[in-house]
Amino acid sequence: MSDFQNYKKKRMKQDPEFWSGYDERLETFKLGILLKQARLEAGLTQEQIAKRLKTTKSVVSRMENHATDIRLSTLEKFAKAVGRKIHVALR
């Protein structure tokens, strides 16, 4: 077990409410990181992506920083704007 897993297990016993929904929040955080990474690798600014998506820079920023409740069609448009494709999997 990793140091983080040990820490999490110990903290869950102390404060289970804090860890409620942790896994879901982690997945949305990772999605935001993936979007930002793809944009940067494409050499594009948030403003440039916003223009391609016909939206505002603040919307792109929210997608990258708080990637919650993003429509699949929006993710597909974002991927196309950075020269990528979306791959969806159910686990």
N, C-alpha and C. Protein backbone atom coordinates (compact mmCIF):
# COMPACT_ATOMS: atom_id res chain seq x y z
N MET A 1 0.85 -1.18 0.00
CA MET A 1 0.00 0.00 0.00
C MET A 1 0.89 1.24 0.00
N SER A 2 0.55 2.24 -0.83
CA SER A 2 1.37 3.45 -0.94
C SER A 2 1.22 4.32 0.31
N ASP A 3 2.13 5.27 0.44
CA ASP A 3 2.05 6.20 1.56
C ASP A 3 0.73 6.97 1.53
N PHE A 4 0.30 7.38 0.32
CA PHE A 4 -0.94 8.12 0.21
C PHE A 4 -2.13 7.26 0.63
N GLN A 5 -2.14 6.01 0.19
CA GLN A 5 -3.25 5.12 0.56
C GLN A 5 -3.31 4.90 2.06
N ASN A 6 -2.14 4.76 2.70
CA ASN A 6 -2.09 4.63 4.15
C ASN A 6 -2.62 5.88 4.83
N TYR A 7 -2.19 7.04 4.32
CA TYR A 7 -2.65 8.32 4.86
C TYR A 7 -4.17 8.45 4.71
N LYS A 8 -4.67 8.12 3.52
CA LYS A 8 -6.11 8.23 3.26
C LYS A 8 -6.90 7.32 4.20
N LYS A 9 -6.44 6.09 4.37
CA LYS A 9 -7.12 5.14 5.24
C LYS A 9 -7.18 5.66 6.68
N LYS A 10 -6.07 6.20 7.14
CA LYS A 10 -6.01 6.74 8.50
C LYS A 10 -6.94 7.95 8.63
N ARG A 11 -6.90 8.86 7.67
CA ARG A 11 -7.73 10.07 7.71
C ARG A 11 -9.21 9.75 7.56
N MET A 12 -9.54 8.71 6.79
CA MET A 12 -10.95 8.33 6.62
C MET A 12 -11.56 7.94 7.97
N LYS A 13 -10.76 7.31 8.80
CA LYS A 13 -11.24 6.94 10.13
C LYS A 13 -11.49 8.18 10.98
N GLN A 14 -10.63 9.18 10.82
CA GLN A 14 -10.74 10.41 11.60
C GLN A 14 -11.84 11.34 11.09
N ASP A 15 -12.00 11.42 9.76
CA ASP A 15 -12.93 12.38 9.17
C ASP A 15 -13.56 11.80 7.91
N PRO A 16 -14.50 10.84 8.07
CA PRO A 16 -15.08 10.19 6.89
C PRO A 16 -15.84 11.15 5.98
N GLU A 17 -16.41 12.23 6.53
CA GLU A 17 -17.16 13.17 5.71
C GLU A 17 -16.27 13.88 4.69
N PHE A 18 -15.04 14.20 5.08
CA PHE A 18 -14.11 14.85 4.16
C PHE A 18 -13.88 14.01 2.92
N TRP A 19 -13.81 12.71 3.08
CA TRP A 19 -13.48 11.81 1.97
C TRP A 19 -14.72 11.39 1.16
N SER A 20 -15.89 11.82 1.61
CA SER A 20 -17.11 11.50 0.88
C SER A 20 -17.05 12.12 -0.51
N GLY A 21 -17.20 11.31 -1.53
CA GLY A 21 -17.15 11.79 -2.92
C GLY A 21 -15.75 12.04 -3.44
N TYR A 22 -14.74 11.62 -2.68
CA TYR A 22 -13.35 11.86 -3.09
C TYR A 22 -13.05 11.29 -4.47
N ASP A 23 -13.42 10.04 -4.70
CA ASP A 23 -13.08 9.39 -5.97
C ASP A 23 -13.71 10.13 -7.15
N GLU A 24 -14.94 10.58 -7.00
CA GLU A 24 -15.61 11.33 -8.07
C GLU A 24 -14.91 12.66 -8.31
N ARG A 25 -14.56 13.37 -7.25
CA ARG A 25 -13.85 14.65 -7.40
C ARG A 25 -12.49 14.45 -8.05
N LEU A 26 -11.83 13.35 -7.72
CA LEU A 26 -10.53 13.07 -8.31
C LEU A 26 -10.66 12.87 -9.81
N GLU A 27 -11.69 12.17 -10.26
CA GLU A 27 -11.88 11.94 -11.70
C GLU A 27 -12.15 13.24 -12.44
N THR A 28 -12.95 14.14 -11.87
CA THR A 28 -13.20 15.41 -12.55
C THR A 28 -11.94 16.27 -12.56
N PHE A 29 -11.15 16.19 -11.50
CA PHE A 29 -9.88 16.91 -11.46
C PHE A 29 -8.95 16.40 -12.56
N LYS A 30 -8.87 15.08 -12.72
CA LYS A 30 -8.01 14.49 -13.75
C LYS A 30 -8.48 14.88 -15.14
N LEU A 31 -9.80 14.94 -15.35
CA LEU A 31 -10.32 15.36 -16.65
C LEU A 31 -9.89 16.78 -16.97
N GLY A 32 -10.00 17.66 -16.01
CA GLY A 32 -9.56 19.04 -16.23
C GLY A 32 -8.09 19.13 -16.58
N ILE A 33 -7.28 18.33 -15.90
CA ILE A 33 -5.84 18.30 -16.19
C ILE A 33 -5.59 17.80 -17.61
N LEU A 34 -6.32 16.77 -18.02
CA LEU A 34 -6.17 16.23 -19.38
C LEU A 34 -6.53 17.28 -20.43
N LEU A 35 -7.60 18.03 -20.18
CA LEU A 35 -8.01 19.07 -21.13
C LEU A 35 -6.94 20.15 -21.24
N LYS A 36 -6.45 20.60 -20.12
CA LYS A 36 -5.41 21.64 -20.13
C LYS A 36 -4.14 21.14 -20.80
N GLN A 37 -3.75 19.93 -20.47
CA GLN A 37 -2.54 19.34 -21.06
C GLN A 37 -2.67 19.24 -22.59
N ALA A 38 -3.82 18.80 -23.06
CA ALA A 38 -4.04 18.67 -24.50
C ALA A 38 -3.98 20.04 -25.18
N ARG A 39 -4.56 21.05 -24.52
CA ARG A 39 -4.54 22.40 -25.08
C ARG A 39 -3.11 22.93 -25.16
N LEU A 40 -2.35 22.75 -24.09
CA LEU A 40 -0.97 23.23 -24.07
C LEU A 40 -0.11 22.51 -25.10
N GLU A 41 -0.30 21.20 -25.22
CA GLU A 41 0.47 20.42 -26.19
C GLU A 41 0.13 20.84 -27.62
N ALA A 42 -1.09 21.34 -27.83
CA ALA A 42 -1.48 21.83 -29.15
C ALA A 42 -0.98 23.26 -29.37
N GLY A 43 -0.41 23.86 -28.34
CA GLY A 43 0.13 25.21 -28.45
C GLY A 43 -0.94 26.28 -28.54
N LEU A 44 -2.07 26.03 -27.89
CA LEU A 44 -3.21 26.96 -27.97
C LEU A 44 -3.49 27.61 -26.62
N THR A 45 -4.02 28.82 -26.67
CA THR A 45 -4.44 29.51 -25.46
C THR A 45 -5.90 29.18 -25.18
N GLN A 46 -6.34 29.50 -23.98
CA GLN A 46 -7.75 29.32 -23.66
C GLN A 46 -8.62 30.17 -24.58
N GLU A 47 -8.15 31.35 -24.90
CA GLU A 47 -8.89 32.23 -25.80
C GLU A 47 -9.07 31.61 -27.19
N GLN A 48 -8.00 31.00 -27.70
CA GLN A 48 -8.08 30.36 -29.01
C GLN A 48 -9.06 29.18 -29.00
N ILE A 49 -9.02 28.40 -27.93
CA ILE A 49 -9.97 27.28 -27.81
C ILE A 49 -11.39 27.83 -27.73
N ALA A 50 -11.58 28.88 -26.95
CA ALA A 50 -12.90 29.48 -26.80
C ALA A 50 -13.47 29.91 -28.16
N LYS A 51 -12.65 30.51 -28.98
CA LYS A 51 -13.11 30.93 -30.31
C LYS A 51 -13.52 29.73 -31.14
N ARG A 52 -12.73 28.66 -31.07
CA ARG A 52 -13.06 27.45 -31.84
C ARG A 52 -14.34 26.78 -31.34
N LEU A 53 -14.61 26.93 -30.05
CA LEU A 53 -15.81 26.33 -29.47
C LEU A 53 -16.99 27.30 -29.47
N LYS A 54 -16.74 28.51 -29.95
CA LYS A 54 -17.77 29.57 -29.97
C LYS A 54 -18.32 29.82 -28.56
N THR A 55 -17.38 30.03 -27.63
CA THR A 55 -17.73 30.31 -26.24
C THR A 55 -16.75 31.34 -25.70
N THR A 56 -16.66 31.46 -24.40
CA THR A 56 -15.77 32.45 -23.80
C THR A 56 -14.58 31.77 -23.13
N LYS A 57 -13.56 32.56 -22.89
CA LYS A 57 -12.37 32.07 -22.22
C LYS A 57 -12.72 31.55 -20.82
N SER A 58 -13.64 32.22 -20.15
CA SER A 58 -14.00 31.79 -18.79
C SER A 58 -14.66 30.41 -18.79
N VAL A 59 -15.39 30.08 -19.84
CA VAL A 59 -15.99 28.74 -19.94
C VAL A 59 -14.88 27.69 -20.09
N VAL A 60 -13.88 27.99 -20.93
CA VAL A 60 -12.76 27.06 -21.11
C VAL A 60 -12.00 26.91 -19.80
N SER A 61 -11.80 28.01 -19.10
CA SER A 61 -11.12 27.95 -17.80
C SER A 61 -11.88 27.07 -16.82
N ARG A 62 -13.20 27.22 -16.78
CA ARG A 62 -14.01 26.37 -15.89
C ARG A 62 -13.89 24.90 -16.28
N MET A 63 -13.85 24.63 -17.57
CA MET A 63 -13.71 23.23 -18.01
C MET A 63 -12.40 22.65 -17.50
N GLU A 64 -11.34 23.44 -17.58
CA GLU A 64 -10.03 22.95 -17.17
C GLU A 64 -9.86 22.90 -15.65
N ASN A 65 -10.52 23.80 -14.94
CA ASN A 65 -10.31 23.89 -13.49
C ASN A 65 -11.41 23.26 -12.65
N HIS A 66 -12.58 23.12 -13.21
CA HIS A 66 -13.71 22.54 -12.48
C HIS A 66 -14.50 21.66 -13.44
N ALA A 67 -13.88 20.65 -13.95
CA ALA A 67 -14.46 19.84 -15.03
C ALA A 67 -15.63 19.00 -14.54
N THR A 68 -16.70 19.67 -14.15
CA THR A 68 -17.89 18.94 -13.71
C THR A 68 -19.02 19.18 -14.70
N ASP A 69 -19.77 18.15 -14.94
CA ASP A 69 -20.97 18.22 -15.77
C ASP A 69 -20.72 18.79 -17.17
N ILE A 70 -19.67 18.32 -17.82
CA ILE A 70 -19.39 18.73 -19.19
C ILE A 70 -20.06 17.74 -20.13
N ARG A 71 -20.78 18.25 -21.10
CA ARG A 71 -21.45 17.37 -22.07
C ARG A 71 -20.42 16.66 -22.93
N LEU A 72 -20.75 15.45 -23.31
CA LEU A 72 -19.87 14.68 -24.19
C LEU A 72 -19.64 15.42 -25.50
N SER A 73 -20.67 16.04 -26.03
CA SER A 73 -20.53 16.78 -27.29
C SER A 73 -19.54 17.93 -27.13
N THR A 74 -19.51 18.55 -25.97
CA THR A 74 -18.55 19.63 -25.72
C THR A 74 -17.14 19.08 -25.64
N LEU A 75 -16.98 17.94 -24.98
CA LEU A 75 -15.67 17.31 -24.91
C LEU A 75 -15.17 16.92 -26.30
N GLU A 76 -16.08 16.43 -27.13
CA GLU A 76 -15.71 16.07 -28.51
C GLU A 76 -15.25 17.30 -29.29
N LYS A 77 -15.94 18.42 -29.12
CA LYS A 77 -15.55 19.66 -29.80
C LYS A 77 -14.20 20.16 -29.30
N PHE A 78 -13.99 20.06 -27.99
CA PHE A 78 -12.71 20.46 -27.41
C PHE A 78 -11.60 19.60 -27.99
N ALA A 79 -11.82 18.29 -28.02
CA ALA A 79 -10.81 17.37 -28.55
C ALA A 79 -10.50 17.70 -30.01
N LYS A 80 -11.51 17.95 -30.79
CA LYS A 80 -11.30 18.30 -32.20
C LYS A 80 -10.51 19.60 -32.32
N ALA A 81 -10.79 20.55 -31.45
CA ALA A 81 -10.10 21.85 -31.48
C ALA A 81 -8.60 21.72 -31.20
N VAL A 82 -8.23 20.67 -30.45
CA VAL A 82 -6.80 20.47 -30.14
C VAL A 82 -6.21 19.33 -30.96
N GLY A 83 -6.96 18.86 -31.98
CA GLY A 83 -6.45 17.81 -32.86
C GLY A 83 -6.46 16.42 -32.24
N ARG A 84 -7.39 16.18 -31.35
CA ARG A 84 -7.48 14.88 -30.68
C ARG A 84 -8.87 14.30 -30.86
N LYS A 85 -9.04 13.09 -30.33
CA LYS A 85 -10.34 12.42 -30.30
C LYS A 85 -10.63 11.97 -28.88
N ILE A 86 -11.89 11.82 -28.58
CA ILE A 86 -12.32 11.34 -27.26
C ILE A 86 -12.45 9.82 -27.29
N HIS A 87 -12.00 9.20 -26.23
CA HIS A 87 -12.19 7.75 -26.05
C HIS A 87 -12.93 7.59 -24.72
N VAL A 88 -14.10 6.99 -24.78
CA VAL A 88 -14.93 6.79 -23.58
C VAL A 88 -14.91 5.32 -23.22
N ALA A 89 -14.79 5.06 -21.93
CA ALA A 89 -14.80 3.67 -21.46
C ALA A 89 -15.64 3.57 -20.20
N LEU A 90 -16.35 2.48 -20.06
CA LEU A 90 -17.07 2.19 -18.83
C LEU A 90 -16.28 1.13 -18.08
N ARG A 91 -16.07 1.38 -16.79
CA ARG A 91 -15.32 0.42 -15.98
C ARG A 91 -16.15 -0.06 -14.85
